[in-house]
């Protein structure tokens, strides 16, 4: 982007272009996953590390809700808390993710402890929470626009994993089906907010930059998984070690 103010359609097109270039659907680790080229231990490492992202998303949303200036905005955003935390024990997205880690053979107490995380996973997720806490509300909402691109990665992930791994079932992947409806709804709200409130070239640039940063965070998490569990196989001290490694 250079210089002048973009129209709402132009800012949306620029945001979508960032996703096309930088979203982690392009990452080699994701491609190995849906092509059936990972083993059980590598999938366990992915699910374990991704759990930390999933379980911290409600903290991110609660942080943002506390900053939102109007009841209408807070009411709209708190739906995300319900989606992830549920309305009772063993409901919501986090509970469904734990059924995924259960199905892959990980001990639930070990997953909940987060002791086996890669250092980059913890650093990246915590950096995302800090971004939402410390940047402008416009940037915090803009950082959530990776949800624009999630239906594609979910479809590739679910289809590829069911086709290529005989130890994975549709029930194991139950987390993903609701997200095919939730993520587009959430993304539509965030996109409309950004298109309305990014009213200067500087604000538009800030939104584009924060989406790049969010894509970088997700990409870095897969970089760490690839380096530790694919090539060259450098598992940091204290991180999860798959059986047989």
Protein backbone atom coordinates (compact mmCIF):
# COMPACT_ATOMS: atom_id res chain seq x y z
CA UNK A 1 0.00 0.00 0.00
CA UNK A 2 1.32 3.42 -0.86
CA UNK A 3 -0.04 6.87 -0.17
CA UNK A 4 -3.75 7.45 -0.49
CA UNK A 5 -6.86 6.24 1.23
CA UNK A 6 -8.28 2.96 0.00
CA UNK A 7 -11.97 2.37 -0.55
CA UNK A 8 -13.65 -0.27 1.65
CA UNK A 9 -13.49 -2.77 -1.22
CA UNK A 10 -9.81 -1.98 -1.82
CA UNK A 11 -8.87 -2.47 1.84
CA UNK A 12 -10.71 -5.80 1.85
CA UNK A 13 -8.86 -6.87 -1.29
CA UNK A 14 -5.53 -5.89 0.29
CA UNK A 15 -6.34 -7.89 3.42
CA UNK A 16 -7.29 -10.94 1.37
CA UNK A 17 -4.07 -10.66 -0.61
CA UNK A 18 -2.08 -10.83 2.62
CA UNK A 19 -3.89 -14.06 3.44
CA UNK A 20 -3.22 -15.51 0.02
CA UNK A 21 0.50 -14.83 0.42
CA UNK A 22 1.16 -15.31 4.13
CA UNK A 23 -1.49 -17.47 5.80
CA UNK A 24 -0.12 -20.70 7.20
CA UNK A 25 -2.13 -22.79 4.77
CA UNK A 26 0.96 -22.23 2.60
CA UNK A 27 3.34 -23.67 5.21
CA UNK A 28 5.19 -26.93 4.42
CA UNK A 29 4.11 -28.47 7.73
CA UNK A 30 0.43 -27.96 6.91
CA UNK A 31 0.94 -29.42 3.45
CA UNK A 32 2.64 -32.50 4.91
CA UNK A 33 -0.29 -32.87 7.30
CA UNK A 34 -3.09 -32.93 4.77
CA UNK A 35 -1.04 -34.96 2.29
CA UNK A 36 -0.75 -37.75 4.86
CA UNK A 37 3.03 -37.46 5.20
CA UNK A 38 3.25 -36.98 8.98
CA UNK A 39 3.39 -39.78 11.51
CA UNK A 40 1.33 -40.08 14.68
CA UNK A 41 4.03 -38.51 16.83
CA UNK A 42 4.30 -35.48 14.57
CA UNK A 43 0.53 -35.03 14.64
CA UNK A 44 0.58 -35.36 18.42
CA UNK A 45 3.19 -32.60 18.61
CA UNK A 46 1.03 -30.36 16.43
CA UNK A 47 -2.15 -30.97 18.45
CA UNK A 48 -0.33 -30.50 21.75
CA UNK A 49 1.22 -27.19 20.73
CA UNK A 50 -1.91 -25.93 19.02
CA UNK A 51 -3.82 -26.60 22.24
CA UNK A 52 -2.00 -23.70 23.85
CA UNK A 53 -3.25 -21.39 21.11
CA UNK A 54 -6.80 -22.73 21.46
CA UNK A 55 -6.92 -22.43 25.24
CA UNK A 56 -5.59 -18.86 25.18
CA UNK A 57 -8.04 -17.57 22.58
CA UNK A 58 -10.71 -16.87 25.23
CA UNK A 59 -8.13 -14.88 27.20
CA UNK A 60 -7.47 -12.86 24.04
CA UNK A 61 -11.17 -12.25 23.53
CA UNK A 62 -11.79 -11.36 27.17
CA UNK A 63 -8.90 -8.91 27.02
CA UNK A 64 -10.45 -7.24 24.00
CA UNK A 65 -13.96 -7.22 25.45
CA UNK A 66 -12.64 -5.34 28.47
CA UNK A 67 -11.39 -2.61 26.12
CA UNK A 68 -14.44 -2.26 23.89
CA UNK A 69 -16.28 1.02 24.49
CA UNK A 70 -19.92 0.10 23.85
CA UNK A 71 -22.40 -2.56 25.00
CA UNK A 72 -23.19 -3.41 21.37
CA UNK A 73 -19.56 -4.22 20.61
CA UNK A 74 -19.11 -6.19 23.82
CA UNK A 75 -22.26 -8.22 23.19
CA UNK A 76 -21.14 -9.00 19.64
CA UNK A 77 -17.67 -10.07 20.69
CA UNK A 78 -18.59 -12.17 23.71
CA UNK A 79 -20.14 -14.79 21.42
CA UNK A 80 -16.55 -15.87 20.81
CA UNK A 81 -16.10 -16.68 24.49
CA UNK A 82 -19.10 -18.96 24.35
CA UNK A 83 -17.84 -20.64 21.20
CA UNK A 84 -14.51 -21.54 22.80
CA UNK A 85 -15.36 -21.96 26.49
CA UNK A 86 -18.85 -23.38 26.04
CA UNK A 87 -21.67 -22.86 28.50
CA UNK A 88 -20.89 -25.86 30.71
CA UNK A 89 -17.98 -28.23 31.36
CA UNK A 90 -16.99 -30.36 28.37
CA UNK A 91 -18.63 -28.03 25.86
CA UNK A 92 -17.13 -25.50 23.46
CA UNK A 93 -14.09 -25.44 21.24
CA UNK A 94 -11.45 -26.09 23.89
CA UNK A 95 -13.26 -29.23 25.05
CA UNK A 96 -13.50 -30.42 21.45
CA UNK A 97 -9.77 -29.81 20.96
CA UNK A 98 -9.03 -31.96 24.01
CA UNK A 99 -11.04 -34.75 22.41
CA UNK A 100 -8.67 -34.41 19.46
CA UNK A 101 -5.60 -34.77 21.67
CA UNK A 102 -7.30 -37.69 23.44
CA UNK A 103 -7.97 -39.35 20.09
CA UNK A 104 -4.33 -38.98 19.10
CA UNK A 105 -3.28 -40.81 22.26
CA UNK A 106 -1.98 -37.92 24.35
CA UNK A 107 -2.46 -37.95 28.11
CA UNK A 108 -4.99 -35.24 28.93
CA UNK A 109 -3.30 -34.12 32.14
CA UNK A 110 -0.06 -33.71 30.21
CA UNK A 111 -1.79 -31.62 27.56
CA UNK A 112 -3.49 -29.43 30.17
CA UNK A 113 -0.20 -28.86 31.95
CA UNK A 114 1.34 -27.33 28.77
CA UNK A 115 4.74 -28.51 30.04
CA UNK A 116 5.65 -30.08 26.71
CA UNK A 117 5.22 -26.99 24.56
CA UNK A 118 7.88 -25.77 22.20
CA UNK A 119 9.31 -22.48 23.51
CA UNK A 120 8.29 -20.67 20.32
CA UNK A 121 4.68 -21.80 20.77
CA UNK A 122 4.42 -20.21 24.19
CA UNK A 123 6.28 -17.09 23.05
CA UNK A 124 4.17 -16.64 19.91
CA UNK A 125 0.80 -17.14 21.60
CA UNK A 126 1.69 -14.90 24.51
CA UNK A 127 2.84 -12.26 22.01
CA UNK A 128 -0.57 -12.42 20.36
CA UNK A 129 -2.34 -11.84 23.68
CA UNK A 130 -0.02 -8.87 24.34
CA UNK A 131 -0.76 -7.45 20.88
CA UNK A 132 -4.50 -7.48 21.54
CA UNK A 133 -3.92 -5.91 24.96
CA UNK A 134 -1.51 -3.19 23.90
CA UNK A 135 -2.36 -2.11 20.35
CA UNK A 136 -5.31 0.05 19.31
CA UNK A 137 -8.78 -1.51 19.33
CA UNK A 138 -8.78 -1.25 15.53
CA UNK A 139 -5.55 -3.25 15.33
CA UNK A 140 -6.74 -5.77 17.92
CA UNK A 141 -9.86 -6.46 15.88
CA UNK A 142 -7.85 -6.47 12.64
CA UNK A 143 -5.55 -9.16 14.03
CA UNK A 144 -8.52 -11.54 14.14
CA UNK A 145 -9.04 -11.33 10.38
CA UNK A 146 -7.04 -14.51 9.81
CA UNK A 147 -10.49 -16.06 10.30
CA UNK A 148 -11.22 -14.93 6.76
CA UNK A 149 -8.92 -17.67 5.55
CA UNK A 150 -9.62 -20.47 8.03
CA UNK A 151 -12.39 -22.32 6.13
CA UNK A 152 -9.89 -23.25 3.42
CA UNK A 153 -7.29 -24.59 5.83
CA UNK A 154 -9.96 -26.46 7.81
CA UNK A 155 -11.30 -28.14 4.68
CA UNK A 156 -7.79 -29.20 3.60
CA UNK A 157 -6.88 -30.38 7.08
CA UNK A 158 -10.03 -32.40 7.77
CA UNK A 159 -10.31 -33.91 4.31
CA UNK A 160 -6.65 -34.84 4.13
CA UNK A 161 -6.44 -36.26 7.64
CA UNK A 162 -9.54 -38.43 7.25
CA UNK A 163 -8.30 -39.70 3.91
CA UNK A 164 -4.73 -40.41 4.93
CA UNK A 165 -4.57 -41.44 8.61
CA UNK A 166 -6.43 -44.58 9.63
CA UNK A 167 -6.11 -43.70 13.33
CA UNK A 168 -8.12 -40.47 12.91
CA UNK A 169 -11.91 -40.41 12.82
CA UNK A 170 -14.54 -37.77 12.16
CA UNK A 171 -15.28 -37.74 15.90
CA UNK A 172 -11.61 -37.03 16.62
CA UNK A 173 -11.82 -33.98 14.36
CA UNK A 174 -15.09 -32.75 15.86
CA UNK A 175 -13.51 -29.41 16.76
CA UNK A 176 -13.48 -28.26 13.16
CA UNK A 177 -17.08 -28.65 11.93
CA UNK A 178 -18.55 -25.83 14.08
CA UNK A 179 -15.67 -23.56 13.08
CA UNK A 180 -16.82 -23.71 9.46
CA UNK A 181 -19.82 -21.63 10.56
CA UNK A 182 -18.32 -19.71 13.49
CA UNK A 183 -15.17 -18.42 11.78
CA UNK A 184 -16.90 -16.81 8.76
CA UNK A 185 -19.45 -15.17 11.05
CA UNK A 186 -16.71 -13.78 13.28
CA UNK A 187 -14.63 -12.69 10.29
CA UNK A 188 -17.59 -10.89 8.71
CA UNK A 189 -18.08 -8.83 11.86
CA UNK A 190 -14.39 -7.96 12.19
CA UNK A 191 -14.07 -7.12 8.51
CA UNK A 192 -17.09 -4.80 8.62
CA UNK A 193 -15.63 -3.05 11.67
CA UNK A 194 -12.27 -2.54 9.99
CA UNK A 195 -13.78 -1.28 6.75
CA UNK A 196 -15.86 1.26 8.68
CA UNK A 197 -13.26 2.43 11.20
CA UNK A 198 -9.99 2.43 9.22
CA UNK A 199 -10.63 5.96 7.96
CA UNK A 200 -7.14 7.27 7.26
CA UNK A 201 -4.21 5.88 5.26
CA UNK A 202 -2.33 5.43 8.54
CA UNK A 203 -5.13 3.44 10.13
CA UNK A 204 -5.47 1.29 7.02
CA UNK A 205 -1.75 0.63 7.01
CA UNK A 206 -1.89 -0.33 10.68
CA UNK A 207 -4.62 -2.89 9.94
CA UNK A 208 -2.65 -4.38 7.06
CA UNK A 209 0.49 -4.53 9.19
CA UNK A 210 -1.23 -6.22 12.12
CA UNK A 211 -2.72 -8.88 9.86
CA UNK A 212 0.78 -9.59 8.55
CA UNK A 213 1.97 -9.85 12.15
CA UNK A 214 -0.79 -12.31 13.03
CA UNK A 215 0.07 -14.40 9.97
CA UNK A 216 3.72 -14.31 11.07
CA UNK A 217 2.72 -15.60 14.52
CA UNK A 218 0.85 -18.56 13.06
CA UNK A 219 3.66 -19.23 10.58
CA UNK A 220 6.30 -19.17 13.32
CA UNK A 221 4.38 -21.79 15.27
CA UNK A 222 4.54 -24.17 12.30
CA UNK A 223 8.20 -23.28 11.69
CA UNK A 224 8.96 -24.43 15.22
CA UNK A 225 7.06 -27.69 14.72
CA UNK A 226 8.82 -28.38 11.43
CA UNK A 227 12.29 -27.75 12.88
CA UNK A 228 11.64 -29.83 15.98
CA UNK A 229 9.70 -32.77 14.56
CA UNK A 230 10.39 -32.95 10.80
CA UNK A 231 13.75 -31.54 9.73
CA UNK A 232 16.32 -31.40 11.23
CA UNK A 233 14.52 -32.83 14.25
CA UNK A 234 15.91 -30.49 16.90
CA UNK A 235 13.53 -30.99 19.86
CA UNK A 236 14.29 -28.41 22.57
CA UNK A 237 14.96 -29.55 26.15
CA UNK A 238 11.73 -30.17 28.02
CA UNK A 239 9.53 -30.27 24.94
CA UNK A 240 7.31 -33.21 24.00
CA UNK A 241 9.20 -36.20 22.62
CA UNK A 242 7.06 -38.62 20.59
CA UNK A 243 7.26 -42.30 21.39
CA UNK A 244 10.09 -43.96 19.48
CA UNK A 245 12.15 -40.81 18.99
